[in-house]
Amino acid sequence: MVEESNELKKLAAITTDLEFTADLRIRAIEQIGTIGSHEALLALLDVVANERLTTKERELALERARKIIKSSQA
């Protein structure tokens, strides 16, 4: 669990670092979506709320967040 938390923190930092390319940030968003935990959901929602990111990144984060919500209801 601690390893997952550290990985999530690193990925979340990548998603908000504008010095990285959009492609790298998008891959980080996708990786966060595969984690599927409540913390991952919160990290994705932070991306959605970040107005400095591209619309594509924010929409992808929202899509991945929806998948986590749907999977937790099943």
Protein backbone atom coordinates (compact mmCIF):
# COMPACT_ATOMS: atom_id res chain seq x y z
CA MET A 1 0.00 0.00 0.00
CA VAL A 2 2.85 2.39 0.80
CA GLU A 3 4.45 1.65 -2.56
CA GLU A 4 1.16 2.42 -4.31
CA SER A 5 0.89 5.69 -2.38
CA ASN A 6 4.42 6.72 -3.38
CA GLU A 7 3.76 5.84 -7.01
CA LEU A 8 0.52 7.81 -6.93
CA LYS A 9 2.27 10.86 -5.49
CA LYS A 10 4.92 10.73 -8.21
CA LEU A 11 2.34 10.34 -10.96
CA ALA A 12 0.22 13.16 -9.54
CA ALA A 13 3.26 15.42 -9.51
CA ILE A 14 3.90 14.63 -13.17
CA THR A 15 0.33 15.50 -14.13
CA THR A 16 0.65 19.03 -12.79
CA ASP A 17 4.22 19.79 -13.87
CA LEU A 18 3.95 21.96 -16.97
CA GLU A 19 7.64 21.44 -17.73
CA PHE A 20 6.78 17.89 -18.83
CA THR A 21 5.26 17.34 -22.26
CA ALA A 22 1.50 16.90 -22.55
CA ASP A 23 2.10 13.32 -23.77
CA LEU A 24 3.95 12.44 -20.57
CA ARG A 25 1.26 14.06 -18.42
CA ILE A 26 -1.41 12.12 -20.33
CA ARG A 27 0.41 8.84 -19.70
CA ALA A 28 0.59 9.70 -16.00
CA ILE A 29 -3.17 10.38 -15.96
CA GLU A 30 -3.79 7.00 -17.58
CA GLN A 31 -1.57 5.27 -15.02
CA ILE A 32 -3.42 6.94 -12.15
CA GLY A 33 -6.66 5.67 -13.65
CA THR A 34 -5.38 2.09 -13.54
CA ILE A 35 -4.65 2.36 -9.81
CA GLY A 36 -8.37 2.75 -9.17
CA SER A 37 -8.21 3.68 -5.48
CA HIS A 38 -10.02 6.48 -3.69
CA GLU A 39 -6.75 8.41 -3.55
CA ALA A 40 -6.34 7.95 -7.31
CA LEU A 41 -9.84 9.32 -7.81
CA LEU A 42 -8.97 12.41 -5.78
CA ALA A 43 -5.74 12.89 -7.75
CA LEU A 44 -7.69 12.71 -11.02
CA LEU A 45 -10.21 15.24 -9.76
CA ASP A 46 -7.33 17.58 -8.94
CA VAL A 47 -6.24 17.29 -12.57
CA VAL A 48 -9.78 18.05 -13.74
CA ALA A 49 -9.83 21.20 -11.61
CA ASN A 50 -6.42 22.43 -12.85
CA GLU A 51 -7.23 25.15 -15.40
CA ARG A 52 -3.61 25.42 -16.52
CA LEU A 53 -3.77 21.98 -18.17
CA THR A 54 -5.12 21.33 -21.65
CA THR A 55 -8.76 20.47 -22.19
CA LYS A 56 -7.70 17.05 -23.49
CA GLU A 57 -5.84 16.29 -20.26
CA ARG A 58 -8.69 17.47 -18.07
CA GLU A 59 -11.29 15.50 -20.05
CA LEU A 60 -9.16 12.35 -19.92
CA ALA A 61 -8.82 12.72 -16.15
CA LEU A 62 -12.59 13.12 -15.84
CA GLU A 63 -13.16 10.02 -17.97
CA ARG A 64 -10.75 7.98 -15.83
CA ALA A 65 -12.38 9.30 -12.65
CA ARG A 66 -15.79 8.18 -13.93
CA LYS A 67 -14.43 4.68 -14.53
CA ILE A 68 -13.16 4.48 -10.96
CA ILE A 69 -16.55 5.62 -9.64
CA LYS A 70 -18.40 3.09 -11.80
CA SER A 71 -16.10 0.26 -10.78
CA SER A 72 -16.61 1.02 -7.08
CA GLN A 73 -20.39 0.79 -7.49
CA ALA A 74 -20.30 -2.64 -9.12
